[in-house]
N, C-alpha and C. Protein backbone atom coordinates (compact mmCIF):
# COMPACT_ATOMS: atom_id res chain seq x y z
N MET A 1 -34.07 9.71 -25.81
CA MET A 1 -34.84 8.51 -26.09
C MET A 1 -34.93 7.69 -24.81
N PRO A 2 -36.11 7.30 -24.41
CA PRO A 2 -36.25 6.49 -23.19
C PRO A 2 -35.53 5.16 -23.34
N ARG A 3 -34.95 4.71 -22.23
CA ARG A 3 -34.26 3.42 -22.22
C ARG A 3 -35.27 2.31 -21.99
N ARG A 4 -34.87 1.10 -22.35
CA ARG A 4 -35.70 -0.08 -22.09
C ARG A 4 -35.83 -0.30 -20.59
N SER A 5 -36.98 -0.73 -20.17
CA SER A 5 -37.17 -0.98 -18.74
C SER A 5 -36.75 -2.40 -18.38
N LYS A 6 -36.33 -2.56 -17.13
CA LYS A 6 -36.05 -3.88 -16.59
C LYS A 6 -37.37 -4.43 -16.06
N LYS A 7 -37.69 -5.63 -16.42
CA LYS A 7 -38.93 -6.25 -15.97
C LYS A 7 -38.75 -6.89 -14.62
N SER A 8 -39.75 -6.81 -13.79
CA SER A 8 -39.71 -7.43 -12.47
C SER A 8 -40.90 -8.36 -12.35
N ALA A 9 -40.63 -9.61 -12.04
CA ALA A 9 -41.70 -10.58 -11.89
C ALA A 9 -42.52 -10.32 -10.62
N THR A 10 -41.99 -9.50 -9.71
CA THR A 10 -42.67 -9.29 -8.44
C THR A 10 -43.67 -8.14 -8.46
N SER A 11 -43.70 -7.35 -9.48
CA SER A 11 -44.60 -6.20 -9.53
C SER A 11 -45.62 -6.33 -10.66
N PRO A 12 -46.91 -6.21 -10.34
CA PRO A 12 -47.92 -6.26 -11.39
C PRO A 12 -47.87 -5.02 -12.30
N LEU A 13 -47.15 -3.99 -11.89
CA LEU A 13 -47.04 -2.77 -12.70
C LEU A 13 -45.81 -2.78 -13.60
N SER A 14 -44.97 -3.77 -13.47
CA SER A 14 -43.75 -3.85 -14.25
C SER A 14 -44.06 -3.77 -15.74
N GLY A 15 -43.42 -2.81 -16.41
CA GLY A 15 -43.61 -2.65 -17.84
C GLY A 15 -44.85 -1.89 -18.25
N LYS A 16 -45.72 -1.55 -17.31
CA LYS A 16 -46.89 -0.72 -17.62
C LYS A 16 -46.39 0.70 -17.88
N VAL A 17 -47.16 1.48 -18.63
CA VAL A 17 -46.80 2.85 -18.94
C VAL A 17 -47.78 3.78 -18.22
N ALA A 18 -47.24 4.67 -17.40
CA ALA A 18 -48.06 5.63 -16.66
C ALA A 18 -47.75 7.04 -17.14
N LEU A 19 -48.79 7.80 -17.45
CA LEU A 19 -48.65 9.21 -17.80
C LEU A 19 -49.13 10.01 -16.60
N ILE A 20 -48.27 10.91 -16.12
CA ILE A 20 -48.59 11.71 -14.94
C ILE A 20 -48.54 13.18 -15.31
N THR A 21 -49.69 13.86 -15.30
CA THR A 21 -49.69 15.30 -15.51
C THR A 21 -49.29 15.95 -14.18
N GLY A 22 -48.55 17.04 -14.26
CA GLY A 22 -48.05 17.66 -13.04
C GLY A 22 -47.06 16.75 -12.34
N GLY A 23 -46.28 16.01 -13.11
CA GLY A 23 -45.37 15.01 -12.55
C GLY A 23 -44.04 15.54 -12.08
N GLY A 24 -43.84 16.84 -12.13
CA GLY A 24 -42.54 17.40 -11.78
C GLY A 24 -42.37 17.84 -10.35
N ARG A 25 -43.45 17.82 -9.57
CA ARG A 25 -43.32 18.26 -8.18
C ARG A 25 -44.51 17.80 -7.36
N GLY A 26 -44.39 17.94 -6.07
CA GLY A 26 -45.48 17.65 -5.16
C GLY A 26 -46.02 16.23 -5.27
N ILE A 27 -47.35 16.13 -5.27
CA ILE A 27 -48.01 14.83 -5.31
C ILE A 27 -47.65 14.07 -6.59
N GLY A 28 -47.60 14.75 -7.72
CA GLY A 28 -47.25 14.08 -8.98
C GLY A 28 -45.88 13.45 -8.93
N LEU A 29 -44.91 14.15 -8.35
CA LEU A 29 -43.57 13.60 -8.22
C LEU A 29 -43.56 12.41 -7.27
N ALA A 30 -44.29 12.50 -6.18
CA ALA A 30 -44.37 11.38 -5.24
C ALA A 30 -44.98 10.14 -5.91
N ILE A 31 -46.00 10.35 -6.72
CA ILE A 31 -46.61 9.25 -7.46
C ILE A 31 -45.60 8.66 -8.45
N ALA A 32 -44.87 9.52 -9.15
CA ALA A 32 -43.87 9.05 -10.12
C ALA A 32 -42.82 8.19 -9.43
N ARG A 33 -42.35 8.64 -8.28
CA ARG A 33 -41.34 7.86 -7.56
C ARG A 33 -41.89 6.51 -7.10
N ALA A 34 -43.13 6.51 -6.64
CA ALA A 34 -43.74 5.25 -6.19
C ALA A 34 -43.92 4.28 -7.36
N LEU A 35 -44.36 4.78 -8.51
CA LEU A 35 -44.54 3.92 -9.68
C LEU A 35 -43.20 3.42 -10.21
N ALA A 36 -42.18 4.26 -10.15
CA ALA A 36 -40.84 3.85 -10.60
C ALA A 36 -40.33 2.68 -9.75
N LYS A 37 -40.60 2.71 -8.46
CA LYS A 37 -40.19 1.61 -7.58
C LYS A 37 -40.89 0.31 -7.95
N GLN A 38 -42.06 0.42 -8.60
CA GLN A 38 -42.80 -0.76 -9.04
C GLN A 38 -42.45 -1.14 -10.49
N HIS A 39 -41.39 -0.52 -11.02
CA HIS A 39 -40.88 -0.81 -12.37
C HIS A 39 -41.87 -0.42 -13.46
N CYS A 40 -42.60 0.64 -13.22
CA CYS A 40 -43.56 1.18 -14.18
C CYS A 40 -42.84 2.23 -15.03
N ASP A 41 -42.95 2.14 -16.35
CA ASP A 41 -42.39 3.16 -17.23
C ASP A 41 -43.25 4.42 -17.11
N LEU A 42 -42.61 5.59 -17.28
CA LEU A 42 -43.29 6.84 -16.99
C LEU A 42 -43.24 7.85 -18.12
N VAL A 43 -44.33 8.61 -18.25
CA VAL A 43 -44.37 9.83 -19.03
C VAL A 43 -44.67 10.93 -18.03
N LEU A 44 -43.71 11.84 -17.85
CA LEU A 44 -43.88 12.95 -16.91
C LEU A 44 -44.16 14.22 -17.69
N THR A 45 -45.24 14.90 -17.33
CA THR A 45 -45.58 16.14 -17.99
C THR A 45 -45.72 17.25 -16.96
N GLY A 46 -45.54 18.45 -17.44
CA GLY A 46 -45.66 19.66 -16.64
C GLY A 46 -45.25 20.82 -17.52
N ARG A 47 -45.17 21.99 -16.95
CA ARG A 47 -44.84 23.16 -17.76
C ARG A 47 -43.36 23.51 -17.73
N HIS A 48 -42.57 22.92 -16.84
CA HIS A 48 -41.15 23.27 -16.71
C HIS A 48 -40.28 22.09 -17.13
N LEU A 49 -39.90 22.06 -18.39
CA LEU A 49 -39.17 20.93 -18.96
C LEU A 49 -37.84 20.63 -18.27
N PRO A 50 -37.00 21.61 -17.93
CA PRO A 50 -35.73 21.26 -17.29
C PRO A 50 -35.92 20.45 -15.99
N SER A 51 -36.91 20.79 -15.19
CA SER A 51 -37.18 20.03 -13.96
C SER A 51 -37.62 18.62 -14.29
N LEU A 52 -38.50 18.48 -15.27
CA LEU A 52 -38.98 17.16 -15.67
C LEU A 52 -37.84 16.28 -16.18
N GLU A 53 -36.95 16.87 -16.96
CA GLU A 53 -35.82 16.11 -17.49
C GLU A 53 -34.88 15.66 -16.37
N LYS A 54 -34.64 16.52 -15.40
CA LYS A 54 -33.79 16.16 -14.26
C LYS A 54 -34.40 14.99 -13.49
N ILE A 55 -35.69 15.07 -13.23
CA ILE A 55 -36.40 13.99 -12.53
C ILE A 55 -36.36 12.71 -13.37
N GLY A 56 -36.56 12.87 -14.67
CA GLY A 56 -36.52 11.72 -15.57
C GLY A 56 -35.18 11.00 -15.52
N ARG A 57 -34.09 11.77 -15.49
CA ARG A 57 -32.76 11.15 -15.40
C ARG A 57 -32.62 10.40 -14.08
N GLU A 58 -33.09 11.01 -13.00
CA GLU A 58 -33.01 10.38 -11.68
C GLU A 58 -33.78 9.05 -11.66
N LEU A 59 -35.01 9.08 -12.14
CA LEU A 59 -35.85 7.89 -12.08
C LEU A 59 -35.41 6.80 -13.06
N SER A 60 -34.85 7.21 -14.18
CA SER A 60 -34.42 6.21 -15.17
C SER A 60 -33.26 5.36 -14.66
N ARG A 61 -32.55 5.83 -13.64
CA ARG A 61 -31.47 5.04 -13.04
C ARG A 61 -32.01 3.78 -12.37
N GLN A 62 -33.32 3.72 -12.18
CA GLN A 62 -33.95 2.54 -11.60
C GLN A 62 -34.25 1.49 -12.67
N GLY A 63 -33.81 1.76 -13.90
CA GLY A 63 -33.98 0.78 -14.97
C GLY A 63 -35.30 0.88 -15.70
N ILE A 64 -36.00 1.99 -15.54
CA ILE A 64 -37.27 2.17 -16.24
C ILE A 64 -37.08 3.17 -17.38
N ARG A 65 -38.05 3.20 -18.27
CA ARG A 65 -38.07 4.18 -19.35
C ARG A 65 -38.84 5.39 -18.85
N VAL A 66 -38.30 6.58 -19.09
CA VAL A 66 -38.97 7.82 -18.69
C VAL A 66 -38.93 8.78 -19.86
N LEU A 67 -40.10 9.31 -20.20
CA LEU A 67 -40.22 10.36 -21.21
C LEU A 67 -40.70 11.61 -20.50
N ALA A 68 -39.91 12.68 -20.56
CA ALA A 68 -40.29 13.96 -19.95
C ALA A 68 -40.71 14.91 -21.07
N LYS A 69 -41.92 15.45 -20.97
CA LYS A 69 -42.45 16.34 -22.00
C LYS A 69 -43.14 17.53 -21.36
N ALA A 70 -42.80 18.72 -21.82
CA ALA A 70 -43.52 19.91 -21.38
C ALA A 70 -44.91 19.88 -22.01
N CYS A 71 -45.92 20.16 -21.19
CA CYS A 71 -47.28 20.18 -21.70
C CYS A 71 -48.15 20.99 -20.76
N ASP A 72 -48.79 22.01 -21.29
CA ASP A 72 -49.78 22.77 -20.54
C ASP A 72 -51.13 22.14 -20.88
N VAL A 73 -51.72 21.42 -19.94
CA VAL A 73 -52.94 20.67 -20.21
C VAL A 73 -54.14 21.57 -20.50
N ARG A 74 -54.00 22.88 -20.32
CA ARG A 74 -55.07 23.81 -20.69
C ARG A 74 -55.09 24.07 -22.19
N ASP A 75 -54.05 23.65 -22.90
CA ASP A 75 -53.89 23.90 -24.33
C ASP A 75 -54.17 22.61 -25.11
N PRO A 76 -55.33 22.54 -25.80
CA PRO A 76 -55.68 21.32 -26.52
C PRO A 76 -54.62 20.89 -27.54
N ALA A 77 -53.97 21.84 -28.20
CA ALA A 77 -52.93 21.49 -29.19
C ALA A 77 -51.73 20.85 -28.50
N ALA A 78 -51.37 21.33 -27.31
CA ALA A 78 -50.25 20.75 -26.56
C ALA A 78 -50.58 19.33 -26.11
N VAL A 79 -51.82 19.11 -25.70
CA VAL A 79 -52.24 17.77 -25.28
C VAL A 79 -52.21 16.81 -26.46
N LYS A 80 -52.66 17.29 -27.60
CA LYS A 80 -52.64 16.45 -28.81
C LYS A 80 -51.20 16.09 -29.19
N ALA A 81 -50.29 17.05 -29.11
CA ALA A 81 -48.88 16.80 -29.42
C ALA A 81 -48.28 15.82 -28.41
N LEU A 82 -48.66 15.94 -27.15
CA LEU A 82 -48.20 15.00 -26.13
C LEU A 82 -48.65 13.59 -26.48
N GLY A 83 -49.90 13.44 -26.86
CA GLY A 83 -50.43 12.13 -27.23
C GLY A 83 -49.64 11.51 -28.38
N ALA A 84 -49.29 12.32 -29.36
CA ALA A 84 -48.51 11.82 -30.50
C ALA A 84 -47.12 11.36 -30.04
N SER A 85 -46.50 12.11 -29.14
CA SER A 85 -45.18 11.73 -28.63
C SER A 85 -45.24 10.42 -27.86
N VAL A 86 -46.27 10.28 -27.04
CA VAL A 86 -46.42 9.06 -26.24
C VAL A 86 -46.66 7.86 -27.15
N ARG A 87 -47.48 8.02 -28.17
CA ARG A 87 -47.73 6.91 -29.12
C ARG A 87 -46.44 6.50 -29.82
N ARG A 88 -45.61 7.48 -30.20
CA ARG A 88 -44.34 7.17 -30.87
C ARG A 88 -43.39 6.41 -29.94
N GLU A 89 -43.29 6.84 -28.70
CA GLU A 89 -42.31 6.28 -27.78
C GLU A 89 -42.77 4.99 -27.10
N PHE A 90 -44.05 4.92 -26.71
CA PHE A 90 -44.52 3.79 -25.92
C PHE A 90 -45.66 3.00 -26.57
N ARG A 91 -46.33 3.61 -27.53
CA ARG A 91 -47.45 2.99 -28.24
C ARG A 91 -48.74 2.87 -27.42
N ARG A 92 -48.67 3.17 -26.11
CA ARG A 92 -49.87 3.04 -25.29
C ARG A 92 -49.68 3.76 -23.96
N VAL A 93 -50.79 3.93 -23.25
CA VAL A 93 -50.78 4.38 -21.85
C VAL A 93 -51.67 3.42 -21.09
N ASP A 94 -51.12 2.83 -20.02
CA ASP A 94 -51.89 1.90 -19.20
C ASP A 94 -52.50 2.58 -17.99
N ILE A 95 -51.82 3.59 -17.48
CA ILE A 95 -52.25 4.29 -16.26
C ILE A 95 -52.19 5.77 -16.54
N LEU A 96 -53.27 6.48 -16.23
CA LEU A 96 -53.30 7.94 -16.42
C LEU A 96 -53.57 8.59 -15.08
N ILE A 97 -52.62 9.43 -14.64
CA ILE A 97 -52.76 10.17 -13.39
C ILE A 97 -52.97 11.63 -13.77
N ASN A 98 -54.21 12.11 -13.62
CA ASN A 98 -54.54 13.51 -13.92
C ASN A 98 -54.32 14.33 -12.66
N ASN A 99 -53.08 14.80 -12.51
CA ASN A 99 -52.67 15.47 -11.29
C ASN A 99 -52.44 16.96 -11.46
N ALA A 100 -52.37 17.46 -12.68
CA ALA A 100 -52.04 18.87 -12.90
C ALA A 100 -53.06 19.77 -12.23
N GLY A 101 -52.55 20.75 -11.49
CA GLY A 101 -53.43 21.73 -10.85
C GLY A 101 -53.63 22.91 -11.79
N ILE A 102 -54.88 23.24 -12.03
CA ILE A 102 -55.19 24.35 -12.93
C ILE A 102 -55.96 25.38 -12.12
N GLY A 103 -55.38 26.57 -12.04
CA GLY A 103 -56.00 27.63 -11.25
C GLY A 103 -56.85 28.56 -12.06
């Protein structure tokens, strides 16, 4: 269960919820780290859940809420299930980063 985030009066992104596809490595991970520094709560998606969970634990130490979910964005049913999980945990998405690379 994601932890409550610490609010920061200095960041306009504080408390916003960002969903990042491909958030477990490369550019997606760099974006996740940058948003975490701005106190933005995160939903990290990708196909390798153990990596996402490890990153989620690391970033949550900054006082933000992180939800790590495996999701292959090529699968409409997986995307729909991801949406349901995000609605349950955060009730909304303020920022969407479509970073997943599909070959």
